[in-house]
Amino acid sequence: MISLLTNTPVLETERLTLRAPTPSDIAPWVAFLMSDRGVWHGAGPDKGEGGAWRVAATFAGHWMLKGFGLFIALDKASGRPVASSGPYAPPDFPEIELGWSVWSDEDEGKGYASEAARAVIAHCRDDLKMPTLVSYIAPENTRSCALAERLGAWRDDAANGPHPEDLVFRHYGEAA
């Protein structure tokens, strides 16, 4: 028997429905994590299907352990998952991170990550009362750095991240 996450919030935007992961998300999520895009999330082609599945399971399990987590963004027109975004707070992260991803090349450049992240930021700030969010981004991930800035985040060079080489972008709140 598969357990489903219940009583989790559902966020709506103009084009997206954001909800907690379900078993139907695993196949497309693992495919994304096995792609070159997955390297920014601890997966990638070299980790194989098992490694990608474990990353997806970690993100899904975060909801059970923390009461919040990565939302799966479904395109309302097609009903298919196109992106993800949400807060992530493992014990070795100094602050709660806002992450995002677009799952396929065909969906890149359509504004899904931005639309999803804006809804998640509002949810974290207004509903969950999180005092701040940060995004830890590898400097070479220039597209995510640019998105963080478009979302209104600023570089917080005084903040620490889980990986010393990562840049820290603060979405709201005071500098650490």
C-alpha atoms as a PDB file:
ATOM      1  CA  MET A   1       0.000   0.000   0.000  1.00  0.00           C
ATOM      2  CA  ILE A   2       1.319   3.442  -0.941  1.00  0.00           C
ATOM      3  CA  SER A   3       0.901   6.242   1.572  1.00  0.00           C
ATOM      4  CA  LEU A   4      -0.094   9.620   0.221  1.00  0.00           C
ATOM      5  CA  LEU A   5       0.718  12.979   1.723  1.00  0.00           C
ATOM      6  CA  THR A   6      -2.546  14.468   2.938  1.00  0.00           C
ATOM      7  CA  ASN A   7      -3.407  17.868   4.332  1.00  0.00           C
ATOM      8  CA  THR A   8      -0.579  19.497   2.409  1.00  0.00           C
ATOM      9  CA  PRO A   9      -1.201  22.883   0.823  1.00  0.00           C
ATOM     10  CA  VAL A  10      -2.003  23.309  -2.845  1.00  0.00           C
ATOM     11  CA  LEU A  11      -0.870  26.567  -4.423  1.00  0.00           C
ATOM     12  CA  GLU A  12      -2.415  27.943  -7.594  1.00  0.00           C
ATOM     13  CA  THR A  13      -0.933  30.368 -10.111  1.00  0.00           C
ATOM     14  CA  GLU A  14      -2.247  31.442 -13.470  1.00  0.00           C
ATOM     15  CA  ARG A  15      -0.728  28.438 -15.269  1.00  0.00           C
ATOM     16  CA  LEU A  16       0.362  26.073 -12.500  1.00  0.00           C
ATOM     17  CA  THR A  17      -0.985  23.915  -9.717  1.00  0.00           C
ATOM     18  CA  LEU A  18       1.676  23.301  -7.069  1.00  0.00           C
ATOM     19  CA  ARG A  19       1.175  20.312  -4.795  1.00  0.00           C
ATOM     20  CA  ALA A  20       3.122  17.795  -2.740  1.00  0.00           C
ATOM     21  CA  PRO A  21       4.632  14.838  -4.630  1.00  0.00           C
ATOM     22  CA  THR A  22       2.535  11.791  -5.512  1.00  0.00           C
ATOM     23  CA  PRO A  23       3.608   8.381  -6.804  1.00  0.00           C
ATOM     24  CA  SER A  24       2.682   9.430 -10.363  1.00  0.00           C
ATOM     25  CA  ASP A  25       5.478  12.033 -10.220  1.00  0.00           C
ATOM     26  CA  ILE A  26       8.278   9.524  -9.666  1.00  0.00           C
ATOM     27  CA  ALA A  27       8.892   8.459 -13.290  1.00  0.00           C
ATOM     28  CA  PRO A  28       9.127  11.999 -14.744  1.00  0.00           C
ATOM     29  CA  TRP A  29      10.990  13.226 -11.659  1.00  0.00           C
ATOM     30  CA  VAL A  30      13.580  10.458 -11.911  1.00  0.00           C
ATOM     31  CA  ALA A  31      13.944  11.140 -15.654  1.00  0.00           C
ATOM     32  CA  PHE A  32      14.655  14.796 -14.846  1.00  0.00           C
ATOM     33  CA  LEU A  33      17.116  13.881 -12.086  1.00  0.00           C
ATOM     34  CA  MET A  34      18.966  11.474 -14.415  1.00  0.00           C
ATOM     35  CA  SER A  35      19.413  14.255 -16.993  1.00  0.00           C
ATOM     36  CA  ASP A  36      22.185  16.842 -17.065  1.00  0.00           C
ATOM     37  CA  ARG A  37      19.741  19.153 -15.246  1.00  0.00           C
ATOM     38  CA  GLY A  38      19.809  16.802 -12.260  1.00  0.00           C
ATOM     39  CA  VAL A  39      23.404  17.637 -11.326  1.00  0.00           C
ATOM     40  CA  TRP A  40      22.239  20.768  -9.495  1.00  0.00           C
ATOM     41  CA  HIS A  41      20.121  18.544  -7.233  1.00  0.00           C
ATOM     42  CA  GLY A  42      22.625  15.882  -6.240  1.00  0.00           C
ATOM     43  CA  ALA A  43      21.818  13.554  -9.120  1.00  0.00           C
ATOM     44  CA  GLY A  44      22.717  13.540 -12.825  1.00  0.00           C
ATOM     45  CA  PRO A  45      23.495  10.963 -15.500  1.00  0.00           C
ATOM     46  CA  ASP A  46      26.442   9.481 -13.606  1.00  0.00           C
ATOM     47  CA  LYS A  47      24.294   8.614 -10.555  1.00  0.00           C
ATOM     48  CA  GLY A  48      21.942   6.322 -12.497  1.00  0.00           C
ATOM     49  CA  GLU A  49      18.315   5.541 -11.877  1.00  0.00           C
ATOM     50  CA  GLY A  50      18.893   4.399  -8.297  1.00  0.00           C
ATOM     51  CA  GLY A  51      20.677   7.617  -7.363  1.00  0.00           C
ATOM     52  CA  ALA A  52      17.985   9.729  -9.006  1.00  0.00           C
ATOM     53  CA  TRP A  53      15.243   7.757  -7.248  1.00  0.00           C
ATOM     54  CA  ARG A  54      16.952   8.267  -3.880  1.00  0.00           C
ATOM     55  CA  VAL A  55      17.107  12.046  -4.438  1.00  0.00           C
ATOM     56  CA  ALA A  56      13.394  12.129  -5.361  1.00  0.00           C
ATOM     57  CA  ALA A  57      12.580  10.015  -2.289  1.00  0.00           C
ATOM     58  CA  THR A  58      14.562  12.394  -0.085  1.00  0.00           C
ATOM     59  CA  PHE A  59      12.649  15.404  -1.405  1.00  0.00           C
ATOM     60  CA  ALA A  60       9.305  13.603  -1.039  1.00  0.00           C
ATOM     61  CA  GLY A  61      10.186  12.424   2.479  1.00  0.00           C
ATOM     62  CA  HIS A  62      11.067  15.977   3.503  1.00  0.00           C
ATOM     63  CA  TRP A  63       7.321  16.680   3.670  1.00  0.00           C
ATOM     64  CA  MET A  64       6.852  13.910   6.242  1.00  0.00           C
ATOM     65  CA  LEU A  65       9.799  14.987   8.380  1.00  0.00           C
ATOM     66  CA  LYS A  66       9.462  18.781   8.236  1.00  0.00           C
ATOM     67  CA  GLY A  67       5.829  19.448   7.287  1.00  0.00           C
ATOM     68  CA  PHE A  68       6.896  21.374   4.184  1.00  0.00           C
ATOM     69  CA  GLY A  69       8.898  20.629   1.087  1.00  0.00           C
ATOM     70  CA  LEU A  70       9.306  20.718  -2.642  1.00  0.00           C
ATOM     71  CA  PHE A  71       6.081  21.321  -4.559  1.00  0.00           C
ATOM     72  CA  ILE A  72       5.546  19.631  -7.896  1.00  0.00           C
ATOM     73  CA  ALA A  73       4.356  22.195 -10.448  1.00  0.00           C
ATOM     74  CA  LEU A  74       1.748  20.863 -12.852  1.00  0.00           C
ATOM     75  CA  ASP A  75       0.920  22.722 -16.033  1.00  0.00           C
ATOM     76  CA  LYS A  76      -2.838  23.333 -15.813  1.00  0.00           C
ATOM     77  CA  ALA A  77      -3.325  23.029 -19.570  1.00  0.00           C
ATOM     78  CA  SER A  78      -1.696  19.601 -19.931  1.00  0.00           C
ATOM     79  CA  GLY A  79      -1.778  18.277 -16.353  1.00  0.00           C
ATOM     80  CA  ARG A  80       1.838  17.160 -16.592  1.00  0.00           C
ATOM     81  CA  PRO A  81       4.615  18.003 -14.124  1.00  0.00           C
ATOM     82  CA  VAL A  82       6.906  20.644 -15.588  1.00  0.00           C
ATOM     83  CA  ALA A  83       8.863  21.988 -12.631  1.00  0.00           C
ATOM     84  CA  SER A  84       9.363  21.918  -8.890  1.00  0.00           C
ATOM     85  CA  SER A  85       9.990  24.527  -6.247  1.00  0.00           C
ATOM     86  CA  GLY A  86       9.911  24.622  -2.499  1.00  0.00           C
ATOM     87  CA  PRO A  87      11.652  25.019   0.828  1.00  0.00           C
ATOM     88  CA  TYR A  88      14.281  22.486   1.862  1.00  0.00           C
ATOM     89  CA  ALA A  89      15.919  22.302   5.285  1.00  0.00           C
ATOM     90  CA  PRO A  90      18.148  19.300   6.009  1.00  0.00           C
ATOM     91  CA  PRO A  91      19.979  19.504   9.343  1.00  0.00           C
ATOM     92  CA  ASP A  92      23.320  20.488   7.785  1.00  0.00           C
ATOM     93  CA  PHE A  93      21.895  23.568   6.025  1.00  0.00           C
ATOM     94  CA  PRO A  94      22.348  26.789   8.025  1.00  0.00           C
ATOM     95  CA  GLU A  95      19.050  28.226   6.756  1.00  0.00           C
ATOM     96  CA  ILE A  96      15.941  27.129   4.898  1.00  0.00           C
ATOM     97  CA  GLU A  97      16.673  26.953   1.197  1.00  0.00           C
ATOM     98  CA  LEU A  98      14.294  27.769  -1.623  1.00  0.00           C
ATOM     99  CA  GLY A  99      15.007  25.490  -4.561  1.00  0.00           C
ATOM    100  CA  TRP A 100      13.561  25.218  -8.049  1.00  0.00           C
ATOM    101  CA  SER A 101      13.976  23.264 -11.249  1.00  0.00           C
ATOM    102  CA  VAL A 102      12.473  22.934 -14.698  1.00  0.00           C
ATOM    103  CA  TRP A 103      12.229  19.285 -15.643  1.00  0.00           C
ATOM    104  CA  SER A 104      12.802  19.300 -19.424  1.00  0.00           C
ATOM    105  CA  ASP A 105      14.463  21.266 -22.172  1.00  0.00           C
ATOM    106  CA  GLU A 106      11.087  21.732 -23.876  1.00  0.00           C
ATOM    107  CA  ASP A 107       9.776  23.598 -20.820  1.00  0.00           C
ATOM    108  CA  GLU A 108      12.852  25.789 -20.364  1.00  0.00           C
ATOM    109  CA  GLY A 109      12.320  29.505 -20.915  1.00  0.00           C
ATOM    110  CA  LYS A 110       8.556  29.459 -20.347  1.00  0.00           C
ATOM    111  CA  GLY A 111       8.711  31.065 -16.899  1.00  0.00           C
ATOM    112  CA  TYR A 112       7.574  27.980 -14.972  1.00  0.00           C
ATOM    113  CA  ALA A 113      10.378  28.156 -12.390  1.00  0.00           C
ATOM    114  CA  SER A 114       9.794  31.854 -11.783  1.00  0.00           C
ATOM    115  CA  GLU A 115       6.021  31.459 -11.502  1.00  0.00           C
ATOM    116  CA  ALA A 116       6.341  28.500  -9.125  1.00  0.00           C
ATOM    117  CA  ALA A 117       9.048  30.128  -6.987  1.00  0.00           C
ATOM    118  CA  ARG A 118       7.048  33.356  -6.594  1.00  0.00           C
ATOM    119  CA  ALA A 119       4.069  31.373  -5.290  1.00  0.00           C
ATOM    120  CA  VAL A 120       6.296  29.386  -2.925  1.00  0.00           C
ATOM    121  CA  ILE A 121       8.021  32.524  -1.618  1.00  0.00           C
ATOM    122  CA  ALA A 122       4.642  34.073  -0.796  1.00  0.00           C
ATOM    123  CA  HIS A 123       3.508  30.836   0.889  1.00  0.00           C
ATOM    124  CA  CYS A 124       6.676  30.554   2.988  1.00  0.00           C
ATOM    125  CA  ARG A 125       6.602  34.206   4.027  1.00  0.00           C
ATOM    126  CA  ASP A 126       2.857  34.698   4.550  1.00  0.00           C
ATOM    127  CA  ASP A 127       1.485  31.268   5.510  1.00  0.00           C
ATOM    128  CA  LEU A 128       4.438  29.471   7.088  1.00  0.00           C
ATOM    129  CA  LYS A 129       5.847  32.683   8.613  1.00  0.00           C
ATOM    130  CA  MET A 130       9.405  31.727   7.690  1.00  0.00           C
ATOM    131  CA  PRO A 131      11.512  34.786   8.570  1.00  0.00           C
ATOM    132  CA  THR A 132      13.740  34.403   5.521  1.00  0.00           C
ATOM    133  CA  LEU A 133      14.626  32.062   2.650  1.00  0.00           C
ATOM    134  CA  VAL A 134      17.916  31.635   0.846  1.00  0.00           C
ATOM    135  CA  SER A 135      19.003  29.826  -2.279  1.00  0.00           C
ATOM    136  CA  TYR A 136      22.387  28.114  -2.373  1.00  0.00           C
ATOM    137  CA  ILE A 137      23.562  28.240  -5.974  1.00  0.00           C
ATOM    138  CA  ALA A 138      26.760  27.033  -7.602  1.00  0.00           C
ATOM    139  CA  PRO A 139      28.441  30.034  -9.271  1.00  0.00           C
ATOM    140  CA  GLU A 140      28.520  28.230 -12.626  1.00  0.00           C
ATOM    141  CA  ASN A 141      24.731  27.785 -12.519  1.00  0.00           C
ATOM    142  CA  THR A 142      24.270  31.189 -14.095  1.00  0.00           C
ATOM    143  CA  ARG A 143      20.627  30.606 -15.086  1.00  0.00           C
ATOM    144  CA  SER A 144      19.633  29.990 -11.463  1.00  0.00           C
ATOM    145  CA  CYS A 145      21.657  32.988 -10.296  1.00  0.00           C
ATOM    146  CA  ALA A 146      19.819  35.160 -12.830  1.00  0.00           C
ATOM    147  CA  LEU A 147      16.455  33.739 -11.746  1.00  0.00           C
ATOM    148  CA  ALA A 148      17.235  34.448  -8.080  1.00  0.00           C
ATOM    149  CA  GLU A 149      17.900  38.079  -8.997  1.00  0.00           C
ATOM    150  CA  ARG A 150      14.700  38.294 -11.095  1.00  0.00           C
ATOM    151  CA  LEU A 151      12.828  37.000  -8.043  1.00  0.00           C
ATOM    152  CA  GLY A 152      14.194  39.965  -6.069  1.00  0.00           C
ATOM    153  CA  ALA A 153      16.865  38.054  -4.135  1.00  0.00           C
ATOM    154  CA  TRP A 154      20.213  39.613  -3.377  1.00  0.00           C
ATOM    155  CA  ARG A 155      23.654  38.119  -2.844  1.00  0.00           C
ATOM    156  CA  ASP A 156      24.331  37.735   0.842  1.00  0.00           C
ATOM    157  CA  ASP A 157      28.077  37.209   0.975  1.00  0.00           C
ATOM    158  CA  ALA A 158      28.014  37.252   4.787  1.00  0.00           C
ATOM    159  CA  ALA A 159      25.774  34.177   4.929  1.00  0.00           C
ATOM    160  CA  ASN A 160      27.126  30.651   5.127  1.00  0.00           C
ATOM    161  CA  GLY A 161      25.975  27.782   2.969  1.00  0.00           C
ATOM    162  CA  PRO A 162      26.331  24.014   3.172  1.00  0.00           C
ATOM    163  CA  HIS A 163      28.998  24.133   0.447  1.00  0.00           C
ATOM    164  CA  PRO A 164      31.607  26.903   0.759  1.00  0.00           C
ATOM    165  CA  GLU A 165      31.773  27.428  -3.006  1.00  0.00           C
ATOM    166  CA  ASP A 166      28.030  28.156  -3.355  1.00  0.00           C
ATOM    167  CA  LEU A 167      26.652  31.668  -3.615  1.00  0.00           C
ATOM    168  CA  VAL A 168      23.913  32.579  -1.144  1.00  0.00           C
ATOM    169  CA  PHE A 169      20.940  34.548  -2.446  1.00  0.00           C
ATOM    170  CA  ARG A 170      18.504  35.917   0.152  1.00  0.00           C
ATOM    171  CA  HIS A 171      14.868  36.242  -0.943  1.00  0.00           C
ATOM    172  CA  TYR A 172      13.518  38.330   1.913  1.00  0.00           C
ATOM    173  CA  GLY A 173      14.317  39.099   5.506  1.00  0.00           C
ATOM    174  CA  GLU A 174      17.459  40.486   7.034  1.00  0.00           C
ATOM    175  CA  ALA A 175      20.992  39.504   6.117  1.00  0.00           C
ATOM    176  CA  ALA A 176      22.349  36.701   8.296  1.00  0.00           C
END
